[in-house]
Amino acid sequence: MIDSPVLPFVFGEPLHTERLTLRLMTPADTDDVYAYQSREDVCRYLLFDPRTRDEVATKVAEHSRATTLEMDGDYLQLAVELAATGDVPGRVIGDSYFTITSVENSHGEIGWTLHPDFAGHGYAREAAAAVLAIAFEEIGLHRVHAELDPRNHSSVALCKRLGMREEAFFVEDMYFKGGWADTGVYGILRKEWVGVNS
């Protein structure tokens, strides 16, 4: 018998880490999100092409209403905000995605996007670790996985830094942006997460 996830989970108050705030998106975030979602290099391995500002505004509005995880397919798309320092104001530098893939099997999926100007400082790992803590420690899921394009070496490295293992490598399983692409799957169990983070 498996432990059932603790659902529904409602994301309300912002979540603060050492350097970041993870929170629901608001229309005021549109310009910051557009700054990276409009870039070809950011969208290279994402399922969408670079977005116009109007497209970003529409998506931000949708994401701002996604607050509850209860059923398969429910998701959170959280703004990752870097705290203000000195004369530099705080700003959104990326987003963290999380969805319930199967309530019955106590399983979720995680994803992330970061503005390249802020890469290499551990921000993506800090944000993703906070989301995994919600998944395992608050919701009590059994397993979380990430699906990615194996050519996205920074995301592969992030999975490994989070303690996720490569579980599958599907060869040319998706026709993607004009060519066949592979898919990598990385996963981690709650007991593994707790063992590393206790």
Protein backbone atom coordinates (compact mmCIF):
# COMPACT_ATOMS: atom_id res chain seq x y z
CA MET A 1 0.00 0.00 0.00
CA ILE A 2 1.33 3.44 -0.91
CA ASP A 3 0.93 6.68 0.97
CA SER A 4 -1.44 8.99 -0.87
CA PRO A 5 -0.19 12.47 -1.74
CA VAL A 6 -1.40 15.28 0.51
CA LEU A 7 -3.70 17.05 -1.94
CA PRO A 8 -5.02 19.54 -2.71
CA PHE A 9 -1.93 21.68 -2.30
CA VAL A 10 -2.56 25.40 -2.67
CA PHE A 11 0.40 27.66 -3.37
CA GLY A 12 -0.32 30.92 -1.61
CA GLU A 13 2.46 32.69 0.24
CA PRO A 14 5.76 33.28 -1.60
CA LEU A 15 8.53 30.80 -0.85
CA HIS A 16 11.85 32.33 0.16
CA THR A 17 15.20 30.62 -0.31
CA GLU A 18 18.64 32.02 0.51
CA ARG A 19 18.72 34.35 -2.50
CA LEU A 20 15.41 33.90 -4.30
CA THR A 21 11.68 34.24 -3.95
CA LEU A 22 9.41 31.75 -5.70
CA ARG A 23 5.90 33.12 -6.13
CA LEU A 24 2.89 33.21 -8.39
CA MET A 25 3.35 35.29 -11.51
CA THR A 26 1.60 38.65 -11.87
CA PRO A 27 1.06 40.91 -14.91
CA ALA A 28 3.86 43.13 -13.56
CA ASP A 29 6.29 40.29 -14.41
CA THR A 30 5.55 40.41 -18.14
CA ASP A 31 8.60 42.42 -19.17
CA ASP A 32 11.01 40.32 -17.11
CA VAL A 33 9.57 37.08 -18.49
CA TYR A 34 9.55 38.46 -22.04
CA ALA A 35 13.26 39.30 -21.63
CA TYR A 36 14.12 35.58 -21.71
CA GLN A 37 11.12 33.91 -23.39
CA SER A 38 11.69 36.08 -26.48
CA ARG A 39 15.24 34.74 -26.94
CA GLU A 40 16.08 32.09 -29.51
CA ASP A 41 18.83 30.59 -27.32
CA VAL A 42 16.43 30.16 -24.39
CA CYS A 43 13.69 28.58 -26.50
CA ARG A 44 16.03 26.26 -28.41
CA TYR A 45 15.17 23.28 -26.21
CA LEU A 46 11.69 24.37 -25.08
CA LEU A 47 8.45 23.25 -26.69
CA PHE A 48 7.61 26.76 -27.90
CA ASP A 49 9.26 29.29 -30.17
CA PRO A 50 10.33 32.74 -28.96
CA ARG A 51 7.24 34.59 -27.81
CA THR A 52 6.01 38.09 -28.51
CA ARG A 53 5.30 40.37 -25.57
CA ASP A 54 1.55 39.86 -26.07
CA GLU A 55 2.00 36.07 -26.04
CA VAL A 56 4.03 36.33 -22.83
CA ALA A 57 1.37 38.55 -21.23
CA THR A 58 -1.31 35.97 -22.06
CA LYS A 59 0.78 33.13 -20.61
CA VAL A 60 1.64 35.09 -17.46
CA ALA A 61 -2.07 35.74 -16.89
CA GLU A 62 -2.80 32.00 -17.31
CA HIS A 63 -0.01 31.00 -14.96
CA SER A 64 -1.11 33.50 -12.31
CA ARG A 65 -4.41 31.59 -12.01
CA ALA A 66 -2.73 28.17 -11.64
CA THR A 67 -2.54 27.98 -7.86
CA THR A 68 -3.73 24.51 -6.86
CA LEU A 69 -2.39 20.99 -7.31
CA GLU A 70 -5.15 18.43 -6.91
CA MET A 71 -5.62 16.33 -10.06
CA ASP A 72 -3.49 14.94 -12.86
CA GLY A 73 -2.36 17.82 -15.07
CA ASP A 74 -2.65 20.54 -12.44
CA TYR A 75 0.48 22.68 -12.49
CA LEU A 76 2.37 25.58 -10.97
CA GLN A 77 4.50 27.94 -13.05
CA LEU A 78 6.28 30.02 -10.43
CA ALA A 79 8.23 33.20 -11.00
CA VAL A 80 11.80 32.98 -9.75
CA GLU A 81 12.66 36.41 -8.40
CA LEU A 82 16.18 37.46 -7.49
CA ALA A 83 16.22 39.65 -4.41
CA ALA A 84 17.23 43.29 -4.66
CA THR A 85 20.82 44.09 -3.73
CA GLY A 86 22.09 47.61 -3.09
CA ASP A 87 20.85 49.84 -5.88
CA VAL A 88 19.79 46.89 -8.09
CA PRO A 89 16.05 46.17 -7.82
CA GLY A 90 14.69 42.66 -7.55
CA ARG A 91 13.58 41.06 -10.82
CA VAL A 92 12.24 37.82 -12.24
CA ILE A 93 15.14 35.83 -13.71
CA GLY A 94 13.30 32.63 -14.64
CA ASP A 95 10.49 30.29 -13.73
CA SER A 96 9.99 26.89 -12.14
CA TYR A 97 7.40 24.46 -13.45
CA PHE A 98 5.80 21.61 -11.55
CA THR A 99 2.88 19.37 -12.44
CA ILE A 100 1.09 16.36 -11.00
CA THR A 101 1.45 13.64 -13.62
CA SER A 102 -0.35 10.90 -11.65
CA VAL A 103 -2.15 11.18 -8.33
CA GLU A 104 -2.72 7.41 -8.34
CA ASN A 105 1.02 6.73 -8.72
CA SER A 106 2.13 9.66 -6.53
CA HIS A 107 4.20 11.12 -9.36
CA GLY A 108 5.12 14.62 -10.54
CA GLU A 109 7.26 16.37 -13.13
CA ILE A 110 9.58 19.33 -12.69
CA GLY A 111 11.00 21.84 -15.17
CA TRP A 112 12.79 25.19 -15.22
CA THR A 113 13.82 28.12 -17.38
CA LEU A 114 16.47 30.71 -16.52
CA HIS A 115 17.58 33.93 -18.18
CA PRO A 116 21.10 33.22 -19.54
CA ASP A 117 22.46 36.41 -17.96
CA PHE A 118 21.96 34.75 -14.57
CA ALA A 119 23.32 31.30 -15.40
CA GLY A 120 26.26 29.84 -13.55
CA HIS A 121 25.38 31.13 -10.09
CA GLY A 122 23.35 28.19 -8.78
CA TYR A 123 20.01 30.00 -9.02
CA ALA A 124 18.32 27.27 -11.06
CA ARG A 125 19.41 24.61 -8.57
CA GLU A 126 18.26 26.72 -5.63
CA ALA A 127 14.82 27.20 -7.16
CA ALA A 128 14.43 23.58 -8.32
CA ALA A 129 15.47 22.26 -4.90
CA ALA A 130 12.77 24.40 -3.29
CA VAL A 131 10.16 22.96 -5.65
CA LEU A 132 11.34 19.40 -4.96
CA ALA A 133 11.04 20.11 -1.24
CA ILE A 134 7.38 21.01 -1.79
CA ALA A 135 6.84 17.87 -3.88
CA PHE A 136 8.40 15.47 -1.40
CA GLU A 137 8.14 17.10 2.01
CA GLU A 138 4.78 18.86 1.79
CA ILE A 139 2.81 16.91 -0.81
CA GLY A 140 4.57 13.62 -0.09
CA LEU A 141 4.95 12.42 -3.67
CA HIS A 142 6.79 9.16 -4.28
CA ARG A 143 8.63 10.18 -7.45
CA VAL A 144 9.46 13.25 -9.54
CA HIS A 145 10.96 13.23 -13.00
CA ALA A 146 12.24 15.74 -15.56
CA GLU A 147 12.10 15.36 -19.34
CA LEU A 148 14.61 17.27 -21.42
CA ASP A 149 16.52 17.45 -24.65
CA PRO A 150 19.87 15.74 -23.95
CA ARG A 151 21.63 18.45 -25.96
CA ASN A 152 20.66 20.86 -23.19
CA HIS A 153 23.80 20.13 -21.20
CA SER A 154 23.08 22.70 -18.48
CA SER A 155 19.75 21.06 -17.66
CA VAL A 156 21.34 17.61 -17.65
CA ALA A 157 23.98 18.89 -15.23
CA LEU A 158 21.29 20.45 -13.05
CA CYS A 159 19.41 17.16 -12.83
CA LYS A 160 22.57 15.46 -11.63
CA ARG A 161 23.28 18.20 -9.07
CA LEU A 162 19.76 17.67 -7.72
CA GLY A 163 20.50 13.97 -7.23
CA MET A 164 18.36 12.82 -10.16
CA ARG A 165 19.46 9.79 -12.16
CA GLU A 166 19.18 9.22 -15.89
CA GLU A 167 16.34 6.73 -16.33
CA ALA A 168 15.71 6.76 -20.06
CA PHE A 169 17.14 8.01 -23.33
CA PHE A 170 14.67 7.94 -26.19
CA VAL A 171 16.33 8.26 -29.59
CA GLU A 172 14.65 10.55 -32.13
CA ASP A 173 11.26 10.13 -30.50
CA MET A 174 10.04 13.66 -31.28
CA TYR A 175 9.96 15.74 -34.44
CA PHE A 176 11.00 19.03 -32.93
CA LYS A 177 11.61 22.40 -34.58
CA GLY A 178 12.49 21.02 -37.98
CA GLY A 179 14.32 17.84 -37.04
CA TRP A 180 14.23 14.64 -35.04
CA ALA A 181 15.24 15.07 -31.40
CA ASP A 182 16.02 12.75 -28.51
CA THR A 183 14.42 12.87 -25.05
CA GLY A 184 16.20 12.24 -21.76
CA VAL A 185 14.32 11.34 -18.58
CA TYR A 186 15.79 11.92 -15.13
CA GLY A 187 14.10 10.90 -11.89
CA ILE A 188 14.37 10.90 -8.13
CA LEU A 189 12.40 9.17 -5.37
CA ARG A 190 11.25 10.75 -2.13
CA LYS A 191 13.43 8.42 -0.05
CA GLU A 192 16.47 9.46 -2.11
CA TRP A 193 15.64 13.15 -1.72
CA VAL A 194 15.18 12.80 2.02
CA GLY A 195 18.40 10.78 2.32
CA VAL A 196 20.43 13.52 0.65
CA ASN A 197 18.66 16.49 2.25
CA SER A 198 18.05 15.31 5.82
